[in-house]
Amino acid sequence: MPKKPQEWQLQRGVKMSSEAAAEVAKIACALKSLSVYTGLVFDRDDCPEELRKEVDEGVAAIDKLFIW
């Protein structure tokens, strides 16, 4: 039996089609994964500050769209 697609819960006031939400969610999940990865790299001295800032800003933007 085919798996039912994930229904993403949007923040109050955010409106988009379920198809668009599914595509944006793919990006959001990738960004969350990058956030976890960079969190692990933060313990190392060679993590660029620009990378941390970009990831943090991206995660904050995604949090405005979806309820996790």
PDB file of N, CA and C in Angstrom:
ATOM      1  N   MET A   1       0.847  -1.179   0.000  1.00  0.00           N
ATOM      2  CA  MET A   1       0.000   0.000   0.000  1.00  0.00           C
ATOM      3  C   MET A   1       0.891   1.239   0.000  1.00  0.00           C
ATOM      4  N   PRO A   2       0.611   2.237  -0.874  1.00  0.00           N
ATOM      5  CA  PRO A   2       1.438   3.446  -0.921  1.00  0.00           C
ATOM      6  C   PRO A   2       1.344   4.238   0.378  1.00  0.00           C
ATOM      7  N   LYS A   3       2.469   4.797   0.755  1.00  0.00           N
ATOM      8  CA  LYS A   3       2.530   5.600   1.967  1.00  0.00           C
ATOM      9  C   LYS A   3       1.871   6.956   1.714  1.00  0.00           C
ATOM     10  N   LYS A   4       1.050   7.402   2.662  1.00  0.00           N
ATOM     11  CA  LYS A   4       0.381   8.693   2.553  1.00  0.00           C
ATOM     12  C   LYS A   4       1.416   9.800   2.768  1.00  0.00           C
ATOM     13  N   PRO A   5       1.404  10.835   1.918  1.00  0.00           N
ATOM     14  CA  PRO A   5       2.370  11.926   2.101  1.00  0.00           C
ATOM     15  C   PRO A   5       2.173  12.631   3.439  1.00  0.00           C
ATOM     16  N   GLN A   6       3.282  13.110   3.987  1.00  0.00           N
ATOM     17  CA  GLN A   6       3.268  13.857   5.249  1.00  0.00           C
ATOM     18  C   GLN A   6       2.478  15.152   5.066  1.00  0.00           C
ATOM     19  N   GLU A   7       1.558  15.413   5.971  1.00  0.00           N
ATOM     20  CA  GLU A   7       0.846  16.687   5.980  1.00  0.00           C
ATOM     21  C   GLU A   7       1.580  17.622   6.932  1.00  0.00           C
ATOM     22  N   TRP A   8       2.168  18.646   6.416  1.00  0.00           N
ATOM     23  CA  TRP A   8       2.956  19.566   7.226  1.00  0.00           C
ATOM     24  C   TRP A   8       2.044  20.591   7.861  1.00  0.00           C
ATOM     25  N   GLN A   9       2.242  20.836   9.135  1.00  0.00           N
ATOM     26  CA  GLN A   9       1.423  21.797   9.861  1.00  0.00           C
ATOM     27  C   GLN A   9       2.077  23.170   9.758  1.00  0.00           C
ATOM     28  N   LEU A  10       1.341  24.108   9.186  1.00  0.00           N
ATOM     29  CA  LEU A  10       1.858  25.459   8.985  1.00  0.00           C
ATOM     30  C   LEU A  10       1.552  26.328  10.194  1.00  0.00           C
ATOM     31  N   GLN A  11       2.390  27.310  10.407  1.00  0.00           N
ATOM     32  CA  GLN A  11       2.148  28.290  11.457  1.00  0.00           C
ATOM     33  C   GLN A  11       0.857  29.045  11.138  1.00  0.00           C
ATOM     34  N   ARG A  12       0.194  29.546  12.156  1.00  0.00           N
ATOM     35  CA  ARG A  12      -1.040  30.311  11.979  1.00  0.00           C
ATOM     36  C   ARG A  12      -0.775  31.497  11.042  1.00  0.00           C
ATOM     37  N   GLY A  13      -1.637  31.662  10.055  1.00  0.00           N
ATOM     38  CA  GLY A  13      -1.528  32.768   9.122  1.00  0.00           C
ATOM     39  C   GLY A  13      -0.732  32.457   7.862  1.00  0.00           C
ATOM     40  N   VAL A  14      -0.024  31.330   7.845  1.00  0.00           N
ATOM     41  CA  VAL A  14       0.744  30.943   6.658  1.00  0.00           C
ATOM     42  C   VAL A  14      -0.170  30.135   5.754  1.00  0.00           C
ATOM     43  N   LYS A  15      -0.249  30.549   4.494  1.00  0.00           N
ATOM     44  CA  LYS A  15      -1.106  29.863   3.536  1.00  0.00           C
ATOM     45  C   LYS A  15      -0.289  29.449   2.322  1.00  0.00           C
ATOM     46  N   MET A  16      -0.356  28.165   1.988  1.00  0.00           N
ATOM     47  CA  MET A  16       0.256  27.647   0.768  1.00  0.00           C
ATOM     48  C   MET A  16      -0.385  26.302   0.476  1.00  0.00           C
ATOM     49  N   SER A  17      -0.319  25.905  -0.773  1.00  0.00           N
ATOM     50  CA  SER A  17      -0.903  24.620  -1.153  1.00  0.00           C
ATOM     51  C   SER A  17      -0.136  23.491  -0.477  1.00  0.00           C
ATOM     52  N   SER A  18      -0.790  22.338  -0.358  1.00  0.00           N
ATOM     53  CA  SER A  18      -0.112  21.196   0.262  1.00  0.00           C
ATOM     54  C   SER A  18       1.074  20.744  -0.580  1.00  0.00           C
ATOM     55  N   GLU A  19       0.979  20.913  -1.910  1.00  0.00           N
ATOM     56  CA  GLU A  19       2.096  20.556  -2.789  1.00  0.00           C
ATOM     57  C   GLU A  19       3.291  21.475  -2.546  1.00  0.00           C
ATOM     58  N   ALA A  20       3.018  22.780  -2.439  1.00  0.00           N
ATOM     59  CA  ALA A  20       4.099  23.731  -2.167  1.00  0.00           C
ATOM     60  C   ALA A  20       4.692  23.487  -0.787  1.00  0.00           C
ATOM     61  N   ALA A  21       3.832  23.220   0.193  1.00  0.00           N
ATOM     62  CA  ALA A  21       4.318  22.951   1.552  1.00  0.00           C
ATOM     63  C   ALA A  21       5.225  21.724   1.570  1.00  0.00           C
ATOM     64  N   ALA A  22       4.879  20.702   0.800  1.00  0.00           N
ATOM     65  CA  ALA A  22       5.708  19.495   0.750  1.00  0.00           C
ATOM     66  C   ALA A  22       7.080  19.805   0.164  1.00  0.00           C
ATOM     67  N   GLU A  23       7.135  20.634  -0.869  1.00  0.00           N
ATOM     68  CA  GLU A  23       8.420  20.996  -1.476  1.00  0.00           C
ATOM     69  C   GLU A  23       9.244  21.870  -0.538  1.00  0.00           C
ATOM     70  N   VAL A  24       8.609  22.842   0.099  1.00  0.00           N
ATOM     71  CA  VAL A  24       9.313  23.701   1.048  1.00  0.00           C
ATOM     72  C   VAL A  24       9.785  22.876   2.239  1.00  0.00           C
ATOM     73  N   ALA A  25       8.987  21.894   2.639  1.00  0.00           N
ATOM     74  CA  ALA A  25       9.362  21.039   3.770  1.00  0.00           C
ATOM     75  C   ALA A  25      10.624  20.239   3.470  1.00  0.00           C
ATOM     76  N   LYS A  26      10.811  19.836   2.215  1.00  0.00           N
ATOM     77  CA  LYS A  26      12.049  19.129   1.848  1.00  0.00           C
ATOM     78  C   LYS A  26      13.255  20.015   2.128  1.00  0.00           C
ATOM     79  N   ILE A  27      13.141  21.277   1.757  1.00  0.00           N
ATOM     80  CA  ILE A  27      14.220  22.235   2.006  1.00  0.00           C
ATOM     81  C   ILE A  27      14.386  22.443   3.512  1.00  0.00           C
ATOM     82  N   ALA A  28      13.265  22.544   4.211  1.00  0.00           N
ATOM     83  CA  ALA A  28      13.306  22.756   5.659  1.00  0.00           C
ATOM     84  C   ALA A  28      13.998  21.600   6.370  1.00  0.00           C
ATOM     85  N   CYS A  29      13.683  20.384   5.959  1.00  0.00           N
ATOM     86  CA  CYS A  29      14.309  19.212   6.584  1.00  0.00           C
ATOM     87  C   CYS A  29      15.807  19.172   6.306  1.00  0.00           C
ATOM     88  N   ALA A  30      16.178  19.544   5.090  1.00  0.00           N
ATOM     89  CA  ALA A  30      17.603  19.583   4.762  1.00  0.00           C
ATOM     90  C   ALA A  30      18.314  20.638   5.607  1.00  0.00           C
ATOM     91  N   LEU A  31      17.661  21.769   5.784  1.00  0.00           N
ATOM     92  CA  LEU A  31      18.260  22.839   6.579  1.00  0.00           C
ATOM     93  C   LEU A  31      18.365  22.435   8.046  1.00  0.00           C
ATOM     94  N   LYS A  32      17.343  21.753   8.545  1.00  0.00           N
ATOM     95  CA  LYS A  32      17.413  21.268   9.930  1.00  0.00           C
ATOM     96  C   LYS A  32      18.562  20.268  10.082  1.00  0.00           C
ATOM     97  N   SER A  33      18.745  19.418   9.072  1.00  0.00           N
ATOM     98  CA  SER A  33      19.857  18.460   9.107  1.00  0.00           C
ATOM     99  C   SER A  33      21.194  19.192   9.107  1.00  0.00           C
ATOM    100  N   LEU A  34      21.293  20.217   8.283  1.00  0.00           N
ATOM    101  CA  LEU A  34      22.512  21.025   8.249  1.00  0.00           C
ATOM    102  C   LEU A  34      22.734  21.698   9.601  1.00  0.00           C
ATOM    103  N   SER A  35      21.656  22.119  10.235  1.00  0.00           N
ATOM    104  CA  SER A  35      21.756  22.735  11.553  1.00  0.00           C
ATOM    105  C   SER A  35      22.345  21.768  12.567  1.00  0.00           C
ATOM    106  N   VAL A  36      21.876  20.518  12.544  1.00  0.00           N
ATOM    107  CA  VAL A  36      22.410  19.497  13.463  1.00  0.00           C
ATOM    108  C   VAL A  36      23.889  19.258  13.168  1.00  0.00           C
ATOM    109  N   TYR A  37      24.214  19.133  11.892  1.00  0.00           N
ATOM    110  CA  TYR A  37      25.606  18.893  11.501  1.00  0.00           C
ATOM    111  C   TYR A  37      26.503  20.033  11.966  1.00  0.00           C
ATOM    112  N   THR A  38      26.093  21.270  11.697  1.00  0.00           N
ATOM    113  CA  THR A  38      26.939  22.397  12.093  1.00  0.00           C
ATOM    114  C   THR A  38      27.016  22.501  13.613  1.00  0.00           C
ATOM    115  N   GLY A  39      25.952  22.073  14.294  1.00  0.00           N
ATOM    116  CA  GLY A  39      26.007  22.043  15.755  1.00  0.00           C
ATOM    117  C   GLY A  39      27.111  21.133  16.252  1.00  0.00           C
ATOM    118  N   LEU A  40      27.306  20.027  15.557  1.00  0.00           N
ATOM    119  CA  LEU A  40      28.392  19.120  15.922  1.00  0.00           C
ATOM    120  C   LEU A  40      29.750  19.727  15.589  1.00  0.00           C
ATOM    121  N   VAL A  41      29.800  20.463  14.483  1.00  0.00           N
ATOM    122  CA  VAL A  41      31.056  21.071  14.052  1.00  0.00           C
ATOM    123  C   VAL A  41      31.419  22.259  14.948  1.00  0.00           C
ATOM    124  N   PHE A  42      30.422  22.868  15.588  1.00  0.00           N
ATOM    125  CA  PHE A  42      30.696  24.022  16.453  1.00  0.00           C
ATOM    126  C   PHE A  42      31.710  23.693  17.539  1.00  0.00           C
ATOM    127  N   ASP A  43      31.747  22.439  17.932  1.00  0.00           N
ATOM    128  CA  ASP A  43      32.695  22.036  18.965  1.00  0.00           C
ATOM    129  C   ASP A  43      34.132  22.102  18.464  1.00  0.00           C
ATOM    130  N   ARG A  44      34.277  22.239  17.153  1.00  0.00           N
ATOM    131  CA  ARG A  44      35.615  22.331  16.563  1.00  0.00           C
ATOM    132  C   ARG A  44      35.935  23.791  16.278  1.00  0.00           C
ATOM    133  N   ASP A  45      37.181  24.144  16.287  1.00  0.00           N
ATOM    134  CA  ASP A  45      37.600  25.526  16.082  1.00  0.00           C
ATOM    135  C   ASP A  45      37.519  25.977  14.629  1.00  0.00           C
ATOM    136  N   ASP A  46      37.395  25.041  13.687  1.00  0.00           N
ATOM    137  CA  ASP A  46      37.454  25.428  12.283  1.00  0.00           C
ATOM    138  C   ASP A  46      36.082  25.702  11.647  1.00  0.00           C
ATOM    139  N   CYS A  47      35.027  25.799  12.436  1.00  0.00           N
ATOM    140  CA  CYS A  47      33.703  26.110  11.901  1.00  0.00           C
ATOM    141  C   CYS A  47      33.604  27.611  11.629  1.00  0.00           C
ATOM    142  N   PRO A  48      33.379  27.996  10.372  1.00  0.00           N
ATOM    143  CA  PRO A  48      33.305  29.424  10.049  1.00  0.00           C
ATOM    144  C   PRO A  48      32.086  30.085  10.696  1.00  0.00           C
ATOM    145  N   GLU A  49      32.285  31.253  11.223  1.00  0.00           N
ATOM    146  CA  GLU A  49      31.207  32.018  11.850  1.00  0.00           C
ATOM    147  C   GLU A  49      30.100  32.325  10.840  1.00  0.00           C
ATOM    148  N   GLU A  50      30.471  32.571   9.590  1.00  0.00           N
ATOM    149  CA  GLU A  50      29.477  32.881   8.557  1.00  0.00           C
ATOM    150  C   GLU A  50      28.527  31.700   8.349  1.00  0.00           C
ATOM    151  N   LEU A  51      29.063  30.484   8.396  1.00  0.00           N
ATOM    152  CA  LEU A  51      28.229  29.294   8.227  1.00  0.00           C
ATOM    153  C   LEU A  51      27.221  29.184   9.362  1.00  0.00           C
ATOM    154  N   ARG A  52      27.684  29.372  10.576  1.00  0.00           N
ATOM    155  CA  ARG A  52      26.783  29.303  11.724  1.00  0.00           C
ATOM    156  C   ARG A  52      25.673  30.332  11.604  1.00  0.00           C
ATOM    157  N   LYS A  53      26.029  31.547  11.216  1.00  0.00           N
ATOM    158  CA  LYS A  53      25.044  32.619  11.094  1.00  0.00           C
ATOM    159  C   LYS A  53      24.024  32.306   9.998  1.00  0.00           C
ATOM    160  N   GLU A  54      24.487  31.833   8.851  1.00  0.00           N
ATOM    161  CA  GLU A  54      23.579  31.495   7.742  1.00  0.00           C
ATOM    162  C   GLU A  54      22.615  30.384   8.135  1.00  0.00           C
ATOM    163  N   VAL A  55      23.135  29.350   8.774  1.00  0.00           N
ATOM    164  CA  VAL A  55      22.283  28.235   9.189  1.00  0.00           C
ATOM    165  C   VAL A  55      21.258  28.711  10.215  1.00  0.00           C
ATOM    166  N   ASP A  56      21.686  29.485  11.193  1.00  0.00           N
ATOM    167  CA  ASP A  56      20.768  29.986  12.215  1.00  0.00           C
ATOM    168  C   ASP A  56      19.664  30.845  11.606  1.00  0.00           C
ATOM    169  N   GLU A  57      20.018  31.699  10.650  1.00  0.00           N
ATOM    170  CA  GLU A  57      19.021  32.547   9.994  1.00  0.00           C
ATOM    171  C   GLU A  57      18.044  31.707   9.172  1.00  0.00           C
ATOM    172  N   GLY A  58      18.555  30.688   8.501  1.00  0.00           N
ATOM    173  CA  GLY A  58      17.688  29.815   7.717  1.00  0.00           C
ATOM    174  C   GLY A  58      16.721  29.034   8.583  1.00  0.00           C
ATOM    175  N   VAL A  59      17.208  28.505   9.693  1.00  0.00           N
ATOM    176  CA  VAL A  59      16.342  27.765  10.607  1.00  0.00           C
ATOM    177  C   VAL A  59      15.283  28.699  11.190  1.00  0.00           C
ATOM    178  N   ALA A  60      15.646  29.914  11.532  1.00  0.00           N
ATOM    179  CA  ALA A  60      14.670  30.875  12.056  1.00  0.00           C
ATOM    180  C   ALA A  60      13.591  31.185  11.019  1.00  0.00           C
ATOM    181  N   ALA A  61      13.987  31.293   9.751  1.00  0.00           N
ATOM    182  CA  ALA A  61      13.010  31.550   8.687  1.00  0.00           C
ATOM    183  C   ALA A  61      12.057  30.365   8.527  1.00  0.00           C
ATOM    184  N   ILE A  62      12.580  29.158   8.570  1.00  0.00           N
ATOM    185  CA  ILE A  62      11.751  27.961   8.442  1.00  0.00           C
ATOM    186  C   ILE A  62      10.788  27.853   9.629  1.00  0.00           C
ATOM    187  N   ASP A  63      11.246  28.222  10.820  1.00  0.00           N
ATOM    188  CA  ASP A  63      10.383  28.167  12.003  1.00  0.00           C
ATOM    189  C   ASP A  63       9.186  29.103  11.876  1.00  0.00           C
ATOM    190  N   LYS A  64       9.298  30.125  11.046  1.00  0.00           N
ATOM    191  CA  LYS A  64       8.163  31.032  10.814  1.00  0.00           C
ATOM    192  C   LYS A  64       7.088  30.381   9.950  1.00  0.00           C
ATOM    193  N   LEU A  65       7.445  29.332   9.210  1.00  0.00           N
ATOM    194  CA  LEU A  65       6.492  28.663   8.327  1.00  0.00           C
ATOM    195  C   LEU A  65       5.844  27.430   8.947  1.00  0.00           C
ATOM    196  N   PHE A  66       6.649  26.587   9.597  1.00  0.00           N
ATOM    197  CA  PHE A  66       6.172  25.287  10.049  1.00  0.00           C
ATOM    198  C   PHE A  66       6.165  25.166  11.562  1.00  0.00           C
ATOM    199  N   ILE A  67       5.232  24.366  12.054  1.00  0.00           N
ATOM    200  CA  ILE A  67       5.214  23.957  13.454  1.00  0.00           C
ATOM    201  C   ILE A  67       5.935  22.627  13.502  1.00  0.00           C
ATOM    202  N   TRP A  68       7.008  22.523  14.243  1.00  0.00           N
ATOM    203  CA  TRP A  68       7.811  21.295  14.299  1.00  0.00           C
ATOM    204  C   TRP A  68       7.373  20.432  15.422  1.00  0.00           C
TER     205      TRP A  68
END
